[in-house]
Protein backbone atom coordinates (compact mmCIF):
# COMPACT_ATOMS: atom_id res chain seq x y z
CA UNK A 1 -7.49 46.73 42.98
CA UNK A 2 -10.77 47.63 41.89
CA UNK A 3 -11.45 48.39 45.49
CA UNK A 4 -8.80 50.64 45.46
CA UNK A 5 -10.37 52.86 42.18
CA UNK A 6 -14.12 52.57 42.91
CA UNK A 7 -13.61 56.00 44.36
CA UNK A 8 -11.39 57.32 42.42
CA UNK A 9 -12.90 59.75 39.99
CA UNK A 10 -9.67 59.87 37.32
CA UNK A 11 -10.05 56.35 37.26
CA UNK A 12 -9.88 55.13 33.31
CA UNK A 13 -9.10 58.75 32.34
CA UNK A 14 -5.67 59.62 30.51
CA UNK A 15 -4.04 62.82 31.25
CA UNK A 16 -4.87 63.69 27.18
CA UNK A 17 -8.51 63.34 27.78
CA UNK A 18 -8.30 65.29 31.22
CA UNK A 19 -6.63 68.22 29.51
CA UNK A 20 -8.61 67.82 26.45
CA UNK A 21 -11.95 68.35 28.71
CA UNK A 22 -10.75 71.34 30.64
CA UNK A 23 -9.93 73.05 27.42
CA UNK A 24 -12.98 72.36 26.30
CA UNK A 25 -14.66 73.81 29.21
CA UNK A 26 -12.69 76.71 30.13
CA UNK A 27 -10.23 77.69 27.04
CA UNK A 28 -6.56 78.02 27.36
CA UNK A 29 -6.66 82.17 28.72
CA UNK A 30 -9.11 80.58 31.42
CA UNK A 31 -7.38 77.40 32.29
CA UNK A 32 -4.18 79.91 32.23
CA UNK A 33 -5.49 81.95 34.74
CA UNK A 34 -6.69 79.48 36.81
CA UNK A 35 -3.29 77.44 36.98
CA UNK A 36 -0.45 80.06 36.30
CA UNK A 37 1.83 78.09 34.01
CA UNK A 38 3.30 78.64 30.95
CA UNK A 39 2.47 75.97 28.77
CA UNK A 40 -1.08 77.26 29.32
CA UNK A 41 -0.27 80.57 28.75
CA UNK A 42 2.46 80.84 26.20
CA UNK A 43 1.47 79.26 22.91
CA UNK A 44 -0.42 77.10 24.60
CA UNK A 45 -0.83 73.12 23.11
CA UNK A 46 -1.68 69.74 23.96
CA UNK A 47 1.50 68.00 22.78
CA UNK A 48 3.65 71.00 24.96
CA UNK A 49 1.11 70.48 27.80
CA UNK A 50 1.41 66.91 28.24
CA UNK A 51 4.84 67.25 28.33
CA UNK A 52 5.08 69.62 30.44
CA UNK A 53 2.61 67.67 33.16
CA UNK A 54 4.14 64.63 32.99
CA UNK A 55 7.42 65.75 34.30
CA UNK A 56 5.77 67.82 36.68
CA UNK A 57 3.78 66.14 39.06
CA UNK A 58 2.69 69.66 41.56
CA UNK A 59 1.44 70.82 38.04
CA UNK A 60 -0.68 67.90 37.28
CA UNK A 61 -1.98 67.79 40.84
CA UNK A 62 -3.35 71.10 40.01
CA UNK A 63 -4.61 69.84 37.02
CA UNK A 64 -6.21 66.95 38.18
CA UNK A 65 -7.42 68.61 41.29
CA UNK A 66 -9.54 71.46 38.94
CA UNK A 67 -10.85 68.46 37.23
CA UNK A 68 -12.46 66.63 39.78
CA UNK A 69 -13.56 70.02 40.97
CA UNK A 70 -15.22 71.02 37.80
CA UNK A 71 -18.77 70.56 36.82
CA UNK A 72 -19.09 69.58 32.96
CA UNK A 73 -21.90 69.13 31.15
CA UNK A 74 -23.49 65.33 30.18
CA UNK A 75 -22.01 63.94 26.81
């Protein structure tokens, strides 16, 4: 199983951690422009976004793809 996960950049990350880092990097307004979904544009919150993303595979895939393609500053 570890061979499968070796090349997975999302291994060990929760959806909440991914979303928090994206919001910290882009902010809600820019995130909503990049991925045009209602939970990012109308009264955004981590809780409502997580609920939507967990139920909507296509939206979660877009968020995960954005996370992988984003360059973050080192902690």
